[in-house]
Amino acid sequence: MADTDLNSLRVGWIGTGRMGLAMSRRLLDAGVKLSVWNRTKAKAEPLAEHGATIVDSPRDL
């Protein structure tokens, strides 16, 4: 993946538990445009501070 421009990637992410939060944060740090859904919206909110878009349902991903 070294030749891939991560800034052009758009990823939809489901689940921001312990592992999902860490993995999605790394994607954001790499410049990926990330949309996130979690059944408990408050658990996804820290990702919004780093540029993620929080959506209301998995369908919105």
N, C-alpha and C. Protein backbone atom coordinates (compact mmCIF):
# COMPACT_ATOMS: atom_id res chain seq x y z
N MET A 1 0.80 -1.18 0.00
CA MET A 1 0.00 0.00 0.00
C MET A 1 0.85 1.26 0.00
N ALA A 2 2.12 1.11 -0.12
CA ALA A 2 3.01 2.26 -0.08
C ALA A 2 2.76 3.22 -1.23
N ASP A 3 2.27 2.74 -2.36
CA ASP A 3 2.03 3.59 -3.52
C ASP A 3 0.64 4.20 -3.54
N THR A 4 -0.19 3.92 -2.56
CA THR A 4 -1.56 4.41 -2.52
C THR A 4 -1.62 5.75 -1.81
N ASP A 5 -2.32 6.71 -2.43
CA ASP A 5 -2.54 8.01 -1.80
C ASP A 5 -3.72 7.87 -0.85
N LEU A 6 -3.46 7.79 0.43
CA LEU A 6 -4.52 7.56 1.41
C LEU A 6 -5.47 8.75 1.52
N ASN A 7 -5.04 9.93 1.11
CA ASN A 7 -5.91 11.10 1.17
C ASN A 7 -7.10 10.98 0.23
N SER A 8 -7.02 10.12 -0.75
CA SER A 8 -8.13 9.96 -1.70
C SER A 8 -9.09 8.84 -1.29
N LEU A 9 -8.77 8.11 -0.23
CA LEU A 9 -9.63 7.02 0.22
C LEU A 9 -10.76 7.53 1.10
N ARG A 10 -11.95 6.94 0.92
CA ARG A 10 -13.09 7.19 1.80
C ARG A 10 -13.49 5.85 2.39
N VAL A 11 -13.57 5.80 3.70
CA VAL A 11 -13.84 4.55 4.39
C VAL A 11 -15.04 4.74 5.31
N GLY A 12 -15.94 3.75 5.31
CA GLY A 12 -17.03 3.69 6.27
C GLY A 12 -16.67 2.68 7.34
N TRP A 13 -16.81 3.06 8.60
CA TRP A 13 -16.36 2.22 9.72
C TRP A 13 -17.52 1.95 10.67
N ILE A 14 -17.68 0.69 11.03
CA ILE A 14 -18.71 0.31 12.00
C ILE A 14 -18.03 -0.22 13.25
N GLY A 15 -18.31 0.41 14.37
CA GLY A 15 -17.81 -0.07 15.64
C GLY A 15 -16.61 0.69 16.14
N THR A 16 -16.78 1.33 17.30
CA THR A 16 -15.68 2.08 17.89
C THR A 16 -15.40 1.61 19.32
N GLY A 17 -15.36 0.30 19.47
CA GLY A 17 -14.95 -0.27 20.75
C GLY A 17 -13.45 -0.09 20.92
N ARG A 18 -12.88 -0.83 21.81
CA ARG A 18 -11.44 -0.69 22.10
C ARG A 18 -10.59 -0.85 20.83
N MET A 19 -10.83 -1.89 20.08
CA MET A 19 -10.03 -2.13 18.88
C MET A 19 -10.44 -1.21 17.73
N GLY A 20 -11.75 -1.05 17.52
CA GLY A 20 -12.23 -0.22 16.42
C GLY A 20 -11.81 1.23 16.55
N LEU A 21 -11.81 1.74 17.76
CA LEU A 21 -11.40 3.12 17.99
C LEU A 21 -9.93 3.32 17.62
N ALA A 22 -9.09 2.41 18.05
CA ALA A 22 -7.65 2.52 17.76
C ALA A 22 -7.38 2.38 16.26
N MET A 23 -8.04 1.44 15.61
CA MET A 23 -7.80 1.23 14.18
C MET A 23 -8.31 2.41 13.36
N SER A 24 -9.48 2.92 13.70
CA SER A 24 -10.03 4.04 12.94
C SER A 24 -9.20 5.30 13.18
N ARG A 25 -8.68 5.47 14.36
CA ARG A 25 -7.82 6.62 14.64
C ARG A 25 -6.56 6.59 13.78
N ARG A 26 -6.00 5.41 13.58
CA ARG A 26 -4.81 5.30 12.72
C ARG A 26 -5.14 5.65 11.27
N LEU A 27 -6.32 5.27 10.82
CA LEU A 27 -6.74 5.64 9.47
C LEU A 27 -6.85 7.16 9.35
N LEU A 28 -7.44 7.80 10.33
CA LEU A 28 -7.54 9.26 10.31
C LEU A 28 -6.16 9.91 10.32
N ASP A 29 -5.27 9.39 11.13
CA ASP A 29 -3.91 9.93 11.20
C ASP A 29 -3.18 9.78 9.87
N ALA A 30 -3.57 8.78 9.08
CA ALA A 30 -2.94 8.55 7.77
C ALA A 30 -3.59 9.40 6.68
N GLY A 31 -4.65 10.14 7.02
CA GLY A 31 -5.27 11.02 6.04
C GLY A 31 -6.50 10.47 5.35
N VAL A 32 -6.99 9.33 5.79
CA VAL A 32 -8.18 8.72 5.19
C VAL A 32 -9.41 9.52 5.61
N LYS A 33 -10.33 9.74 4.67
CA LYS A 33 -11.62 10.37 4.99
C LYS A 33 -12.52 9.29 5.57
N LEU A 34 -12.89 9.43 6.83
CA LEU A 34 -13.55 8.36 7.56
C LEU A 34 -14.93 8.78 8.03
N SER A 35 -15.91 7.93 7.72
CA SER A 35 -17.26 8.06 8.27
C SER A 35 -17.46 6.91 9.24
N VAL A 36 -18.06 7.21 10.39
CA VAL A 36 -18.13 6.24 11.48
C VAL A 36 -19.55 6.10 11.98
N TRP A 37 -19.94 4.85 12.26
CA TRP A 37 -21.20 4.59 12.96
C TRP A 37 -20.90 3.67 14.13
N ASN A 38 -21.51 3.99 15.25
CA ASN A 38 -21.46 3.13 16.43
C ASN A 38 -22.82 3.21 17.09
N ARG A 39 -23.32 2.11 17.62
CA ARG A 39 -24.66 2.14 18.20
C ARG A 39 -24.74 3.08 19.40
N THR A 40 -23.63 3.28 20.09
CA THR A 40 -23.56 4.30 21.14
C THR A 40 -22.78 5.48 20.57
N LYS A 41 -23.51 6.48 20.13
CA LYS A 41 -22.89 7.60 19.41
C LYS A 41 -21.78 8.28 20.21
N ALA A 42 -21.93 8.37 21.50
CA ALA A 42 -20.94 9.05 22.34
C ALA A 42 -19.55 8.41 22.23
N LYS A 43 -19.50 7.11 21.98
CA LYS A 43 -18.21 6.43 21.85
C LYS A 43 -17.50 6.78 20.55
N ALA A 44 -18.23 7.28 19.57
CA ALA A 44 -17.62 7.68 18.30
C ALA A 44 -17.18 9.14 18.30
N GLU A 45 -17.70 9.93 19.23
CA GLU A 45 -17.43 11.36 19.24
C GLU A 45 -15.95 11.74 19.34
N PRO A 46 -15.10 11.01 20.05
CA PRO A 46 -13.68 11.38 20.05
C PRO A 46 -13.06 11.36 18.65
N LEU A 47 -13.59 10.53 17.76
CA LEU A 47 -13.06 10.48 16.40
C LEU A 47 -13.43 11.73 15.61
N ALA A 48 -14.57 12.33 15.92
CA ALA A 48 -14.98 13.55 15.23
C ALA A 48 -13.98 14.67 15.51
N GLU A 49 -13.40 14.67 16.68
CA GLU A 49 -12.39 15.67 17.03
C GLU A 49 -11.14 15.53 16.15
N HIS A 50 -10.97 14.38 15.53
CA HIS A 50 -9.82 14.13 14.66
C HIS A 50 -10.20 14.11 13.18
N GLY A 51 -11.43 14.51 12.87
CA GLY A 51 -11.82 14.66 11.47
C GLY A 51 -12.81 13.65 10.93
N ALA A 52 -13.23 12.69 11.72
CA ALA A 52 -14.21 11.71 11.25
C ALA A 52 -15.59 12.34 11.19
N THR A 53 -16.42 11.80 10.30
CA THR A 53 -17.82 12.17 10.23
C THR A 53 -18.62 11.08 10.91
N ILE A 54 -19.43 11.44 11.88
CA ILE A 54 -20.28 10.46 12.56
C ILE A 54 -21.63 10.44 11.86
N VAL A 55 -22.07 9.25 11.48
CA VAL A 55 -23.34 9.10 10.78
C VAL A 55 -24.38 8.48 11.71
N ASP A 56 -25.66 8.63 11.33
CA ASP A 56 -26.76 8.18 12.18
C ASP A 56 -27.10 6.70 12.04
N SER A 57 -26.72 6.09 10.92
CA SER A 57 -27.03 4.68 10.72
C SER A 57 -25.99 4.05 9.81
N PRO A 58 -25.86 2.73 9.85
CA PRO A 58 -24.92 2.06 8.94
C PRO A 58 -25.25 2.33 7.48
N ARG A 59 -26.50 2.53 7.17
CA ARG A 59 -26.90 2.83 5.79
C ARG A 59 -26.24 4.11 5.28
N ASP A 60 -25.96 5.04 6.17
CA ASP A 60 -25.36 6.31 5.79
C ASP A 60 -23.88 6.20 5.45
N LEU A 61 -23.30 5.06 5.69
CA LEU A 61 -21.89 4.87 5.38
C LEU A 61 -21.70 4.72 3.89
